[in-house]
Full PDB file with SEQRES, HELIX, SHEET, SSBOND, CRYST1, ORIGX, SCALE, CONECT and MASTER records, all heavy atoms in Angstrom:
SEQRES   1 A   41  LYS PHE PRO ARG THR LYS ARG LEU GLU ASP PHE ASP HIS          
SEQRES   2 A   41  ALA THR ILE ALA ASP LEU PRO PRO ALA THR LEU ALA HIS          
SEQRES   3 A   41  LEU ALA THR GLY ALA TRP ILE ASP ALA GLY GLU PRO LEU          
SEQRES   4 A   41  VAL LEU                                                      
HELIX    1 AA1 LEU A    8  ASP A   10  5                                   3    
HELIX    2 AA2 HIS A   13  THR A   15  5                                   3    
HELIX    3 AA3 PRO A   21  THR A   29  1                                   9    
HELIX    4 AA4 ALA A   31  ASP A   34  1                                   4    
CRYST1    1.000    1.000    1.000  90.00  90.00  90.00 P 1           1          
ORIGX1      1.000000  0.000000  0.000000        0.00000                         
ORIGX2      0.000000  1.000000  0.000000        0.00000                         
ORIGX3      0.000000  0.000000  1.000000        0.00000                         
SCALE1      1.000000  0.000000  0.000000        0.00000                         
SCALE2      0.000000  1.000000  0.000000        0.00000                         
SCALE3      0.000000  0.000000  1.000000        0.00000                         
ATOM      1  N   LYS A   1      -2.336  13.399  23.651  1.00  0.00           N  
ATOM      2  CA  LYS A   1      -2.182  14.485  22.678  1.00  0.00           C  
ATOM      3  C   LYS A   1      -1.539  14.024  21.370  1.00  0.00           C  
ATOM      4  O   LYS A   1      -0.648  14.685  20.827  1.00  0.00           O  
ATOM      5  CB  LYS A   1      -1.408  15.656  23.283  1.00  0.00           C  
ATOM      6  CG  LYS A   1      -2.092  16.283  24.487  1.00  0.00           C  
ATOM      7  CD  LYS A   1      -1.362  17.505  24.993  1.00  0.00           C  
ATOM      8  CE  LYS A   1      -2.116  18.127  26.169  1.00  0.00           C  
ATOM      9  NZ  LYS A   1      -1.434  19.336  26.696  1.00  0.00           N  
ATOM     10  N   PHE A   2      -2.004  12.881  20.876  1.00  0.00           N  
ATOM     11  CA  PHE A   2      -1.529  12.425  19.571  1.00  0.00           C  
ATOM     12  C   PHE A   2      -2.032  13.384  18.487  1.00  0.00           C  
ATOM     13  O   PHE A   2      -3.181  13.831  18.543  1.00  0.00           O  
ATOM     14  CB  PHE A   2      -2.038  11.016  19.271  1.00  0.00           C  
ATOM     15  CG  PHE A   2      -1.535   9.974  20.234  1.00  0.00           C  
ATOM     16  CD1 PHE A   2      -2.414   9.274  21.054  1.00  0.00           C  
ATOM     17  CD2 PHE A   2      -0.188   9.685  20.319  1.00  0.00           C  
ATOM     18  CE1 PHE A   2      -1.961   8.319  21.939  1.00  0.00           C  
ATOM     19  CE2 PHE A   2       0.287   8.728  21.211  1.00  0.00           C  
ATOM     20  CZ  PHE A   2      -0.599   8.038  22.011  1.00  0.00           C  
ATOM     21  N   PRO A   3      -1.202  13.696  17.491  1.00  0.00           N  
ATOM     22  CA  PRO A   3      -1.618  14.641  16.454  1.00  0.00           C  
ATOM     23  C   PRO A   3      -2.671  14.079  15.504  1.00  0.00           C  
ATOM     24  O   PRO A   3      -3.392  14.822  14.843  1.00  0.00           O  
ATOM     25  CB  PRO A   3      -0.311  14.954  15.714  1.00  0.00           C  
ATOM     26  CG  PRO A   3       0.523  13.730  15.916  1.00  0.00           C  
ATOM     27  CD  PRO A   3       0.181  13.228  17.297  1.00  0.00           C  
ATOM     28  N   ARG A   4      -2.754  12.764  15.416  1.00  0.00           N  
ATOM     29  CA  ARG A   4      -3.738  12.111  14.547  1.00  0.00           C  
ATOM     30  C   ARG A   4      -3.926  10.680  15.025  1.00  0.00           C  
ATOM     31  O   ARG A   4      -3.160  10.183  15.840  1.00  0.00           O  
ATOM     32  CB  ARG A   4      -3.292  12.135  13.080  1.00  0.00           C  
ATOM     33  CG  ARG A   4      -1.862  11.707  12.871  1.00  0.00           C  
ATOM     34  CD  ARG A   4      -1.350  12.136  11.496  1.00  0.00           C  
ATOM     35  NE  ARG A   4       0.091  11.952  11.377  1.00  0.00           N  
ATOM     36  CZ  ARG A   4       0.983  12.847  11.766  1.00  0.00           C  
ATOM     37  NH1 ARG A   4       0.582  13.978  12.326  1.00  0.00           N  
ATOM     38  NH2 ARG A   4       2.280  12.628  11.609  1.00  0.00           N  
ATOM     39  N   THR A   5      -4.949  10.039  14.503  1.00  0.00           N  
ATOM     40  CA  THR A   5      -5.282   8.673  14.921  1.00  0.00           C  
ATOM     41  C   THR A   5      -4.508   7.669  14.079  1.00  0.00           C  
ATOM     42  O   THR A   5      -4.591   7.686  12.847  1.00  0.00           O  
ATOM     43  CB  THR A   5      -6.782   8.415  14.781  1.00  0.00           C  
ATOM     44  OG1 THR A   5      -7.495   9.359  15.594  1.00  0.00           O  
ATOM     45  CG2 THR A   5      -7.124   7.002  15.217  1.00  0.00           C  
ATOM     46  N   LYS A   6      -3.754   6.819  14.734  1.00  0.00           N  
ATOM     47  CA  LYS A   6      -3.041   5.724  14.074  1.00  0.00           C  
ATOM     48  C   LYS A   6      -3.161   4.491  14.954  1.00  0.00           C  
ATOM     49  O   LYS A   6      -2.969   4.573  16.166  1.00  0.00           O  
ATOM     50  CB  LYS A   6      -1.566   6.068  13.881  1.00  0.00           C  
ATOM     51  CG  LYS A   6      -1.282   7.280  12.988  1.00  0.00           C  
ATOM     52  CD  LYS A   6      -1.633   7.017  11.546  1.00  0.00           C  
ATOM     53  CE  LYS A   6      -1.285   8.200  10.664  1.00  0.00           C  
ATOM     54  NZ  LYS A   6      -1.668   7.954   9.245  1.00  0.00           N  
ATOM     55  N   ARG A   7      -3.479   3.360  14.324  1.00  0.00           N  
ATOM     56  CA  ARG A   7      -3.654   2.136  15.103  1.00  0.00           C  
ATOM     57  C   ARG A   7      -2.799   1.007  14.527  1.00  0.00           C  
ATOM     58  O   ARG A   7      -2.471   0.995  13.339  1.00  0.00           O  
ATOM     59  CB  ARG A   7      -5.129   1.726  15.111  1.00  0.00           C  
ATOM     60  CG  ARG A   7      -6.086   2.843  15.509  1.00  0.00           C  
ATOM     61  CD  ARG A   7      -7.476   2.311  15.784  1.00  0.00           C  
ATOM     62  NE  ARG A   7      -7.498   1.554  17.010  1.00  0.00           N  
ATOM     63  CZ  ARG A   7      -7.626   2.085  18.229  1.00  0.00           C  
ATOM     64  NH1 ARG A   7      -7.755   3.392  18.370  1.00  0.00           N  
ATOM     65  NH2 ARG A   7      -7.643   1.330  19.300  1.00  0.00           N  
ATOM     66  N   LEU A   8      -2.452   0.068  15.387  1.00  0.00           N  
ATOM     67  CA  LEU A   8      -1.592  -1.029  14.964  1.00  0.00           C  
ATOM     68  C   LEU A   8      -2.244  -1.886  13.885  1.00  0.00           C  
ATOM     69  O   LEU A   8      -1.549  -2.386  12.995  1.00  0.00           O  
ATOM     70  CB  LEU A   8      -1.231  -1.908  16.176  1.00  0.00           C  
ATOM     71  CG  LEU A   8      -0.216  -1.303  17.149  1.00  0.00           C  
ATOM     72  CD1 LEU A   8      -0.065  -2.208  18.360  1.00  0.00           C  
ATOM     73  CD2 LEU A   8       1.118  -1.071  16.483  1.00  0.00           C  
ATOM     74  N   GLU A   9      -3.551  -2.061  13.972  1.00  0.00           N  
ATOM     75  CA  GLU A   9      -4.225  -2.911  12.993  1.00  0.00           C  
ATOM     76  C   GLU A   9      -4.206  -2.294  11.596  1.00  0.00           C  
ATOM     77  O   GLU A   9      -4.439  -2.997  10.602  1.00  0.00           O  
ATOM     78  CB  GLU A   9      -5.662  -3.215  13.411  1.00  0.00           C  
ATOM     79  CG  GLU A   9      -6.483  -1.993  13.761  1.00  0.00           C  
ATOM     80  CD  GLU A   9      -6.487  -1.723  15.251  1.00  0.00           C  
ATOM     81  OE1 GLU A   9      -5.451  -1.970  15.911  1.00  0.00           O  
ATOM     82  OE2 GLU A   9      -7.528  -1.265  15.754  1.00  0.00           O  
ATOM     83  N   ASP A  10      -3.916  -1.008  11.498  1.00  0.00           N  
ATOM     84  CA  ASP A  10      -3.846  -0.342  10.196  1.00  0.00           C  
ATOM     85  C   ASP A  10      -2.420  -0.261   9.657  1.00  0.00           C  
ATOM     86  O   ASP A  10      -2.181   0.312   8.594  1.00  0.00           O  
ATOM     87  CB  ASP A  10      -4.414   1.082  10.293  1.00  0.00           C  
ATOM     88  CG  ASP A  10      -5.847   1.096  10.760  1.00  0.00           C  
ATOM     89  OD1 ASP A  10      -6.587   0.173  10.382  1.00  0.00           O  
ATOM     90  OD2 ASP A  10      -6.226   2.018  11.513  1.00  0.00           O  
ATOM     91  N   PHE A  11      -1.469  -0.833  10.397  1.00  0.00           N  
ATOM     92  CA  PHE A  11      -0.061  -0.740  10.007  1.00  0.00           C  
ATOM     93  C   PHE A  11       0.380  -2.016   9.308  1.00  0.00           C  
ATOM     94  O   PHE A  11       0.191  -3.114   9.826  1.00  0.00           O  
ATOM     95  CB  PHE A  11       0.801  -0.509  11.258  1.00  0.00           C  
ATOM     96  CG  PHE A  11       2.249  -0.259  10.954  1.00  0.00           C  
ATOM     97  CD1 PHE A  11       2.667   0.964  10.469  1.00  0.00           C  
ATOM     98  CD2 PHE A  11       3.192  -1.256  11.145  1.00  0.00           C  
ATOM     99  CE1 PHE A  11       4.000   1.199  10.186  1.00  0.00           C  
ATOM    100  CE2 PHE A  11       4.525  -1.032  10.871  1.00  0.00           C  
ATOM    101  CZ  PHE A  11       4.929   0.208  10.384  1.00  0.00           C  
ATOM    102  N   ASP A  12       0.968  -1.885   8.129  1.00  0.00           N  
ATOM    103  CA  ASP A  12       1.431  -3.028   7.362  1.00  0.00           C  
ATOM    104  C   ASP A  12       2.865  -3.357   7.777  1.00  0.00           C  
ATOM    105  O   ASP A  12       3.831  -2.886   7.181  1.00  0.00           O  
ATOM    106  CB  ASP A  12       1.361  -2.726   5.864  1.00  0.00           C  
ATOM    107  CG  ASP A  12       1.721  -3.929   5.007  1.00  0.00           C  
ATOM    108  OD1 ASP A  12       1.886  -5.029   5.579  1.00  0.00           O  
ATOM    109  OD2 ASP A  12       1.844  -3.776   3.776  1.00  0.00           O  
ATOM    110  N   HIS A  13       2.989  -4.143   8.827  1.00  0.00           N  
ATOM    111  CA  HIS A  13       4.318  -4.439   9.366  1.00  0.00           C  
ATOM    112  C   HIS A  13       5.144  -5.303   8.426  1.00  0.00           C  
ATOM    113  O   HIS A  13       6.378  -5.382   8.554  1.00  0.00           O  
ATOM    114  CB  HIS A  13       4.192  -5.136  10.725  1.00  0.00           C  
ATOM    115  CG  HIS A  13       3.525  -6.477  10.645  1.00  0.00           C  
ATOM    116  ND1 HIS A  13       4.199  -7.633  10.357  1.00  0.00           N  
ATOM    117  CD2 HIS A  13       2.215  -6.835  10.798  1.00  0.00           C  
ATOM    118  CE1 HIS A  13       3.365  -8.648  10.354  1.00  0.00           C  
ATOM    119  NE2 HIS A  13       2.154  -8.196  10.624  1.00  0.00           N  
ATOM    120  N   ALA A  14       4.506  -5.958   7.452  1.00  0.00           N  
ATOM    121  CA  ALA A  14       5.236  -6.828   6.537  1.00  0.00           C  
ATOM    122  C   ALA A  14       6.221  -6.048   5.671  1.00  0.00           C  
ATOM    123  O   ALA A  14       7.165  -6.626   5.120  1.00  0.00           O  
ATOM    124  CB  ALA A  14       4.247  -7.590   5.646  1.00  0.00           C  
ATOM    125  N   THR A  15       6.027  -4.749   5.566  1.00  0.00           N  
ATOM    126  CA  THR A  15       6.923  -3.933   4.747  1.00  0.00           C  
ATOM    127  C   THR A  15       8.226  -3.611   5.462  1.00  0.00           C  
ATOM    128  O   THR A  15       9.149  -3.068   4.853  1.00  0.00           O  
ATOM    129  CB  THR A  15       6.239  -2.617   4.355  1.00  0.00           C  
ATOM    130  OG1 THR A  15       5.896  -1.890   5.557  1.00  0.00           O  
ATOM    131  CG2 THR A  15       4.966  -2.875   3.563  1.00  0.00           C  
ATOM    132  N   ILE A  16       8.322  -3.918   6.747  1.00  0.00           N  
ATOM    133  CA  ILE A  16       9.529  -3.628   7.528  1.00  0.00           C  
ATOM    134  C   ILE A  16      10.173  -4.964   7.916  1.00  0.00           C  
ATOM    135  O   ILE A  16       9.657  -5.698   8.769  1.00  0.00           O  
ATOM    136  CB  ILE A  16       9.208  -2.798   8.777  1.00  0.00           C  
ATOM    137  CG1 ILE A  16       8.562  -1.469   8.370  1.00  0.00           C  
ATOM    138  CG2 ILE A  16      10.463  -2.550   9.607  1.00  0.00           C  
ATOM    139  CD1 ILE A  16       8.148  -0.601   9.546  1.00  0.00           C  
ATOM    140  N   ALA A  17      11.305  -5.260   7.304  1.00  0.00           N  
ATOM    141  CA  ALA A  17      11.969  -6.536   7.543  1.00  0.00           C  
ATOM    142  C   ALA A  17      12.449  -6.675   8.984  1.00  0.00           C  
ATOM    143  O   ALA A  17      12.554  -7.780   9.515  1.00  0.00           O  
ATOM    144  CB  ALA A  17      13.151  -6.689   6.582  1.00  0.00           C  
ATOM    145  N   ASP A  18      12.715  -5.533   9.610  1.00  0.00           N  
ATOM    146  CA  ASP A  18      13.242  -5.533  10.982  1.00  0.00           C  
ATOM    147  C   ASP A  18      12.140  -5.627  12.034  1.00  0.00           C  
ATOM    148  O   ASP A  18      12.419  -5.449  13.223  1.00  0.00           O  
ATOM    149  CB  ASP A  18      14.075  -4.257  11.198  1.00  0.00           C  
ATOM    150  CG  ASP A  18      15.065  -4.396  12.344  1.00  0.00           C  
ATOM    151  OD1 ASP A  18      15.493  -5.540  12.603  1.00  0.00           O  
ATOM    152  OD2 ASP A  18      15.418  -3.385  12.963  1.00  0.00           O  
ATOM    153  N   LEU A  19      10.898  -5.875  11.597  1.00  0.00           N  
ATOM    154  CA  LEU A  19       9.773  -5.927  12.531  1.00  0.00           C  
ATOM    155  C   LEU A  19       8.949  -7.197  12.292  1.00  0.00           C  
ATOM    156  O   LEU A  19       7.861  -7.147  11.722  1.00  0.00           O  
ATOM    157  CB  LEU A  19       8.899  -4.678  12.368  1.00  0.00           C  
ATOM    158  CG  LEU A  19       7.754  -4.501  13.371  1.00  0.00           C  
ATOM    159  CD1 LEU A  19       8.286  -4.402  14.789  1.00  0.00           C  
ATOM    160  CD2 LEU A  19       6.940  -3.255  13.017  1.00  0.00           C  
ATOM    161  N   PRO A  20       9.450  -8.351  12.748  1.00  0.00           N  
ATOM    162  CA  PRO A  20       8.683  -9.591  12.603  1.00  0.00           C  
ATOM    163  C   PRO A  20       7.416  -9.546  13.446  1.00  0.00           C  
ATOM    164  O   PRO A  20       7.339  -8.792  14.428  1.00  0.00           O  
ATOM    165  CB  PRO A  20       9.651 -10.670  13.089  1.00  0.00           C  
ATOM    166  CG  PRO A  20      10.630  -9.953  13.968  1.00  0.00           C  
ATOM    167  CD  PRO A  20      10.746  -8.581  13.404  1.00  0.00           C  
ATOM    168  N   PRO A  21       6.401 -10.322  13.072  1.00  0.00           N  
ATOM    169  CA  PRO A  21       5.124 -10.313  13.808  1.00  0.00           C  
ATOM    170  C   PRO A  21       5.276 -10.557  15.308  1.00  0.00           C  
ATOM    171  O   PRO A  21       4.585  -9.933  16.107  1.00  0.00           O  
ATOM    172  CB  PRO A  21       4.326 -11.446  13.140  1.00  0.00           C  
ATOM    173  CG  PRO A  21       4.895 -11.541  11.758  1.00  0.00           C  
ATOM    174  CD  PRO A  21       6.349 -11.219  11.888  1.00  0.00           C  
ATOM    175  N   ALA A  22       6.201 -11.424  15.700  1.00  0.00           N  
ATOM    176  CA  ALA A  22       6.386 -11.721  17.127  1.00  0.00           C  
ATOM    177  C   ALA A  22       6.879 -10.487  17.877  1.00  0.00           C  
ATOM    178  O   ALA A  22       6.449 -10.234  19.013  1.00  0.00           O  
ATOM    179  CB  ALA A  22       7.370 -12.880  17.307  1.00  0.00           C  
ATOM    180  N   THR A  23       7.757  -9.712  17.243  1.00  0.00           N  
ATOM    181  CA  THR A  23       8.268  -8.497  17.887  1.00  0.00           C  
ATOM    182  C   THR A  23       7.160  -7.475  18.040  1.00  0.00           C  
ATOM    183  O   THR A  23       7.009  -6.850  19.101  1.00  0.00           O  
ATOM    184  CB  THR A  23       9.420  -7.904  17.048  1.00  0.00           C  
ATOM    185  OG1 THR A  23      10.490  -8.843  16.980  1.00  0.00           O  
ATOM    186  CG2 THR A  23       9.927  -6.607  17.680  1.00  0.00           C  
ATOM    187  N   LEU A  24       6.361  -7.288  16.972  1.00  0.00           N  
ATOM    188  CA  LEU A  24       5.265  -6.334  17.054  1.00  0.00           C  
ATOM    189  C   LEU A  24       4.240  -6.769  18.096  1.00  0.00           C  
ATOM    190  O   LEU A  24       3.715  -5.922  18.848  1.00  0.00           O  
ATOM    191  CB  LEU A  24       4.587  -6.198  15.681  1.00  0.00           C  
ATOM    192  CG  LEU A  24       3.466  -5.177  15.588  1.00  0.00           C  
ATOM    193  CD1 LEU A  24       3.971  -3.774  15.937  1.00  0.00           C  
ATOM    194  CD2 LEU A  24       2.832  -5.178  14.200  1.00  0.00           C  
ATOM    195  N   ALA A  25       3.943  -8.058  18.172  1.00  0.00           N  
ATOM    196  CA  ALA A  25       2.998  -8.556  19.159  1.00  0.00           C  
ATOM    197  C   ALA A  25       3.505  -8.298  20.571  1.00  0.00           C  
ATOM    198  O   ALA A  25       2.727  -7.914  21.466  1.00  0.00           O  
ATOM    199  CB  ALA A  25       2.749 -10.050  18.938  1.00  0.00           C  
ATOM    200  N   HIS A  26       4.797  -8.474  20.788  1.00  0.00           N  
ATOM    201  CA  HIS A  26       5.368  -8.206  22.105  1.00  0.00           C  
ATOM    202  C   HIS A  26       5.270  -6.726  22.450  1.00  0.00           C  
ATOM    203  O   HIS A  26       4.892  -6.360  23.567  1.00  0.00           O  
ATOM    204  CB  HIS A  26       6.827  -8.656  22.146  1.00  0.00           C  
ATOM    205  CG  HIS A  26       7.549  -8.229  23.386  1.00  0.00           C  
ATOM    206  ND1 HIS A  26       7.279  -8.750  24.628  1.00  0.00           N  
ATOM    207  CD2 HIS A  26       8.518  -7.273  23.578  1.00  0.00           C  
ATOM    208  CE1 HIS A  26       8.055  -8.165  25.540  1.00  0.00           C  
ATOM    209  NE2 HIS A  26       8.808  -7.273  24.930  1.00  0.00           N  
ATOM    210  N   LEU A  27       5.610  -5.869  21.482  1.00  0.00           N  
ATOM    211  CA  LEU A  27       5.536  -4.430  21.735  1.00  0.00           C  
ATOM    212  C   LEU A  27       4.105  -4.003  22.031  1.00  0.00           C  
ATOM    213  O   LEU A  27       3.860  -3.102  22.837  1.00  0.00           O  
ATOM    214  CB  LEU A  27       6.085  -3.654  20.530  1.00  0.00           C  
ATOM    215  CG  LEU A  27       7.586  -3.810  20.261  1.00  0.00           C  
ATOM    216  CD1 LEU A  27       7.954  -3.101  18.957  1.00  0.00           C  
ATOM    217  CD2 LEU A  27       8.402  -3.255  21.417  1.00  0.00           C  
ATOM    218  N   ALA A  28       3.148  -4.635  21.368  1.00  0.00           N  
ATOM    219  CA  ALA A  28       1.739  -4.280  21.554  1.00  0.00           C  
ATOM    220  C   ALA A  28       1.252  -4.574  22.964  1.00  0.00           C  
ATOM    221  O   ALA A  28       0.341  -3.909  23.459  1.00  0.00           O  
ATOM    222  CB  ALA A  28       0.868  -5.013  20.535  1.00  0.00           C  
ATOM    223  N   THR A  29       1.872  -5.534  23.650  1.00  0.00           N  
ATOM    224  CA  THR A  29       1.437  -5.865  25.002  1.00  0.00           C  
ATOM    225  C   THR A  29       1.821  -4.776  26.010  1.00  0.00           C  
ATOM    226  O   THR A  29       1.200  -4.656  27.065  1.00  0.00           O  
ATOM    227  CB  THR A  29       2.073  -7.177  25.495  1.00  0.00           C  
ATOM    228  OG1 THR A  29       3.509  -7.007  25.617  1.00  0.00           O  
ATOM    229  CG2 THR A  29       1.784  -8.321  24.523  1.00  0.00           C  
ATOM    230  N   GLY A  30       2.854  -3.993  25.682  1.00  0.00           N  
ATOM    231  CA  GLY A  30       3.306  -2.941  26.590  1.00  0.00           C  
ATOM    232  C   GLY A  30       4.183  -3.436  27.721  1.00  0.00           C  
ATOM    233  O   GLY A  30       4.516  -2.658  28.623  1.00  0.00           O  
ATOM    234  N   ALA A  31       4.599  -4.705  27.680  1.00  0.00           N  
ATOM    235  CA  ALA A  31       5.446  -5.234  28.745  1.00  0.00           C  
ATOM    236  C   ALA A  31       6.772  -4.477  28.827  1.00  0.00           C  
ATOM    237  O   ALA A  31       7.331  -4.303  29.909  1.00  0.00           O  
ATOM    238  CB  ALA A  31       5.707  -6.738  28.514  1.00  0.00           C  
ATOM    239  N   TRP A  32       7.268  -4.028  27.686  1.00  0.00           N  
ATOM    240  CA  TRP A  32       8.528  -3.266  27.662  1.00  0.00           C  
ATOM    241  C   TRP A  32       8.378  -1.932  28.403  1.00  0.00           C  
ATOM    242  O   TRP A  32       9.348  -1.425  28.984  1.00  0.00           O  
ATOM    243  CB  TRP A  32       8.962  -3.030  26.220  1.00  0.00           C  
ATOM    244  CG  TRP A  32       7.940  -2.313  25.376  1.00  0.00           C  
ATOM    245  CD1 TRP A  32       6.809  -2.847  24.852  1.00  0.00           C  
ATOM    246  CD2 TRP A  32       7.951  -0.940  24.997  1.00  0.00           C  
ATOM    247  NE1 TRP A  32       6.102  -1.889  24.150  1.00  0.00           N  
ATOM    248  CE2 TRP A  32       6.781  -0.718  24.217  1.00  0.00           C  
ATOM    249  CE3 TRP A  32       8.823   0.106  25.222  1.00  0.00           C  
ATOM    250  CZ2 TRP A  32       6.476   0.527  23.673  1.00  0.00           C  
ATOM    251  CZ3 TRP A  32       8.527   1.351  24.675  1.00  0.00           C  
ATOM    252  CH2 TRP A  32       7.365   1.546  23.909  1.00  0.00           C  
ATOM    253  N   ILE A  33       7.167  -1.385  28.401  1.00  0.00           N  
ATOM    254  CA  ILE A  33       6.909  -0.132  29.120  1.00  0.00           C  
ATOM    255  C   ILE A  33       6.962  -0.385  30.619  1.00  0.00           C  
ATOM    256  O   ILE A  33       7.558   0.377  31.396  1.00  0.00           O  
ATOM    257  CB  ILE A  33       5.553   0.462  28.711  1.00  0.00           C  
ATOM    258  CG1 ILE A  33       5.499   0.685  27.198  1.00  0.00           C  
ATOM    259  CG2 ILE A  33       5.281   1.767  29.472  1.00  0.00           C  
ATOM    260  CD1 ILE A  33       4.137   1.086  26.685  1.00  0.00           C  
ATOM    261  N   ASP A  34       6.338  -1.470  31.046  1.00  0.00           N  
ATOM    262  CA  ASP A  34       6.353  -1.829  32.475  1.00  0.00           C  
ATOM    263  C   ASP A  34       7.779  -2.074  32.959  1.00  0.00           C  
ATOM    264  O   ASP A  34       8.091  -1.825  34.127  1.00  0.00           O  
ATOM    265  CB  ASP A  34       5.501  -3.070  32.717  1.00  0.00           C  
ATOM    266  CG  ASP A  34       4.036  -2.851  32.339  1.00  0.00           C  
ATOM    267  OD1 ASP A  34       3.590  -1.677  32.366  1.00  0.00           O  
ATOM    268  OD2 ASP A  34       3.351  -3.831  31.997  1.00  0.00           O  
ATOM    269  N   ALA A  35       8.646  -2.545  32.058  1.00  0.00           N  
ATOM    270  CA  ALA A  35      10.032  -2.826  32.412  1.00  0.00           C  
ATOM    271  C   ALA A  35      10.931  -1.589  32.280  1.00  0.00           C  
ATOM    272  O   ALA A  35      12.118  -1.650  32.606  1.00  0.00           O  
ATOM    273  CB  ALA A  35      10.582  -3.952  31.541  1.00  0.00           C  
ATOM    274  N   GLY A  36      10.356  -0.470  31.810  1.00  0.00           N  
ATOM    275  CA  GLY A  36      11.123   0.759  31.656  1.00  0.00           C  
ATOM    276  C   GLY A  36      12.129   0.718  30.521  1.00  0.00           C  
ATOM    277  O   GLY A  36      13.147   1.412  30.541  1.00  0.00           O  
ATOM    278  N   GLU A  37      11.843  -0.098  29.484  1.00  0.00           N  
ATOM    279  CA  GLU A  37      12.785  -0.248  28.371  1.00  0.00           C  
ATOM    280  C   GLU A  37      12.502   0.777  27.269  1.00  0.00           C  
ATOM    281  O   GLU A  37      11.340   1.061  26.976  1.00  0.00           O  
ATOM    282  CB  GLU A  37      12.679  -1.658  27.802  1.00  0.00           C  
ATOM    283  CG  GLU A  37      13.056  -2.741  28.785  1.00  0.00           C  
ATOM    284  CD  GLU A  37      12.693  -4.133  28.326  1.00  0.00           C  
ATOM    285  OE1 GLU A  37      11.978  -4.257  27.293  1.00  0.00           O  
ATOM    286  OE2 GLU A  37      13.103  -5.113  28.983  1.00  0.00           O  
ATOM    287  N   PRO A  38      13.550   1.311  26.639  1.00  0.00           N  
ATOM    288  CA  PRO A  38      13.344   2.273  25.544  1.00  0.00           C  
ATOM    289  C   PRO A  38      12.975   1.576  24.240  1.00  0.00           C  
ATOM    290  O   PRO A  38      13.206   0.364  24.070  1.00  0.00           O  
ATOM    291  CB  PRO A  38      14.704   2.978  25.415  1.00  0.00           C  
ATOM    292  CG  PRO A  38      15.512   2.530  26.600  1.00  0.00           C  
ATOM    293  CD  PRO A  38      14.965   1.203  27.003  1.00  0.00           C  
ATOM    294  N   LEU A  39      12.430   2.355  23.323  1.00  0.00           N  
ATOM    295  CA  LEU A  39      12.150   1.907  21.963  1.00  0.00           C  
ATOM    296  C   LEU A  39      12.665   2.982  21.020  1.00  0.00           C  
ATOM    297  O   LEU A  39      12.352   4.162  21.194  1.00  0.00           O  
ATOM    298  CB  LEU A  39      10.650   1.696  21.752  1.00  0.00           C  
ATOM    299  CG  LEU A  39      10.180   1.486  20.304  1.00  0.00           C  
ATOM    300  CD1 LEU A  39      10.712   0.159  19.758  1.00  0.00           C  
ATOM    301  CD2 LEU A  39       8.652   1.516  20.219  1.00  0.00           C  
ATOM    302  N   VAL A  40      13.482   2.581  20.043  1.00  0.00           N  
ATOM    303  CA  VAL A  40      14.028   3.528  19.083  1.00  0.00           C  
ATOM    304  C   VAL A  40      13.644   3.084  17.678  1.00  0.00           C  
ATOM    305  O   VAL A  40      13.903   1.945  17.272  1.00  0.00           O  
ATOM    306  CB  VAL A  40      15.562   3.636  19.187  1.00  0.00           C  
ATOM    307  CG1 VAL A  40      16.089   4.666  18.198  1.00  0.00           C  
ATOM    308  CG2 VAL A  40      15.977   3.986  20.613  1.00  0.00           C  
ATOM    309  N   LEU A  41      12.998   3.979  16.931  1.00  0.00           N  
ATOM    310  CA  LEU A  41      12.594   3.730  15.552  1.00  0.00           C  
ATOM    311  C   LEU A  41      13.476   4.591  14.652  1.00  0.00           C  
ATOM    312  O   LEU A  41      13.445   5.818  14.747  1.00  0.00           O  
ATOM    313  CB  LEU A  41      11.118   4.064  15.350  1.00  0.00           C  
ATOM    314  CG  LEU A  41      10.143   3.367  16.298  1.00  0.00           C  
ATOM    315  CD1 LEU A  41       8.741   3.954  16.134  1.00  0.00           C  
ATOM    316  CD2 LEU A  41      10.121   1.867  16.044  1.00  0.00           C  
TER     317      LEU A  41                                                      
MASTER        0    0    0    4    0    0    0    6  316    1    0    4          
END                                                                             
């Protein structure tokens, strides 16, 4: 039930200094979800 379509490939992560490519790539795998870890933006 997402209110609109948003995809990672359309997100310019370079504008966020706190989000290096390696961190975004890790989050994209969903391993943190399998581990039950929270994410706070």
